[in-house]
Structure formats: structure tokens, C-alpha cells
Amino acid sequence: MAKSLARKRMEKRMRQGSLDPRQQRGNWNGVKPVTRIKPDKRKYAYPKNDDDRGFKPAIAV
């Protein structure tokens, strides 16, 4: 099977001292995109308790 032109260029660059691009694939540099949650309306619309609300109601004396 023949080599593609892109593979030939990649191998030539590696022979000349460039980095292997296969080693750089999939690197997120410590960022975990799954764990970061974007804030949404549910946080404000359905609070778990009164402390989660955006405002504090005045206490009746």
C-alpha cells in the first residue's frame, strides 16, 4: 500500500528534527472539559434551599 503525501511530509519533518505530531494529539494540557459546568437557569429557578437563592428575603419582626 502506498504512503500518502501527508505521511511522507510528516516523516520527512521528523527526520529533519521536528516533533512527531502523533505525540501531541489528544493533549488537553491539564484541562478536563467534562468537569466544567456552565451555569444555567436551573441553579436560580430551582434552588435546593433558601441559601442558594440569589436574594435574601427580609425577616419579619
Protein backbone atom coordinates (compact mmCIF):
# COMPACT_ATOMS: atom_id res chain seq x y z
CA MET A 1 0.00 0.00 0.00
CA ALA A 2 1.32 3.42 -0.91
CA LYS A 3 2.09 6.19 1.57
CA SER A 4 0.00 9.33 1.43
CA LEU A 5 1.59 12.66 0.63
CA ALA A 6 0.79 13.94 4.13
CA ARG A 7 2.51 10.94 5.71
CA LYS A 8 5.58 11.42 3.54
CA ARG A 9 5.80 15.08 4.56
CA MET A 10 5.35 14.20 8.22
CA GLU A 11 8.10 11.58 8.12
CA LYS A 12 10.42 13.98 6.32
CA ARG A 13 9.88 16.64 9.01
CA MET A 14 10.56 14.07 11.72
CA ARG A 15 13.83 13.06 10.03
CA GLN A 16 14.82 16.74 9.99
CA GLY A 17 14.30 17.02 13.74
CA SER A 18 10.71 18.24 14.04
CA LEU A 19 8.35 16.88 16.68
CA ASP A 20 6.09 13.93 15.93
CA PRO A 21 2.52 15.29 15.65
CA ARG A 22 1.13 11.94 16.79
CA GLN A 23 2.60 12.59 20.23
CA GLN A 24 0.74 15.90 20.53
CA ARG A 25 -2.72 14.60 19.67
CA GLY A 26 -5.26 14.35 22.46
CA ASN A 27 -3.35 16.62 24.83
CA TRP A 28 -5.64 18.99 26.73
CA ASN A 29 -2.82 20.47 28.86
CA GLY A 30 -4.49 19.59 32.14
CA VAL A 31 -7.96 20.87 31.16
CA LYS A 32 -10.80 18.48 31.90
CA PRO A 33 -13.71 19.64 29.71
CA VAL A 34 -16.17 17.19 31.28
CA THR A 35 -15.84 18.52 34.81
CA ARG A 36 -16.51 22.17 33.97
CA ILE A 37 -20.21 23.00 34.13
CA LYS A 38 -21.72 26.05 32.53
CA PRO A 39 -24.12 27.87 34.85
CA ASP A 40 -27.73 27.62 33.75
CA LYS A 41 -31.19 28.74 34.71
CA ARG A 42 -31.87 25.72 36.92
CA LYS A 43 -29.41 26.97 39.53
CA TYR A 44 -31.55 30.06 40.09
CA ALA A 45 -35.01 28.72 39.27
CA TYR A 46 -34.88 25.60 41.46
CA PRO A 47 -32.61 26.20 44.45
CA LYS A 48 -32.06 23.32 46.85
CA ASN A 49 -32.58 25.51 49.88
CA ASP A 50 -33.04 29.17 50.77
CA ASP A 51 -29.29 29.80 50.93
CA ASP A 52 -28.94 29.01 47.21
CA ARG A 53 -31.28 31.82 46.15
CA GLY A 54 -29.87 34.96 44.60
CA PHE A 55 -31.56 37.19 47.17
CA LYS A 56 -32.36 37.04 50.88
CA PRO A 57 -35.94 37.77 51.91
CA ALA A 58 -36.42 40.34 54.65
CA ILE A 59 -37.05 38.84 58.07
CA ALA A 60 -40.43 39.92 59.50
CA VAL A 61 -40.08 41.29 63.02
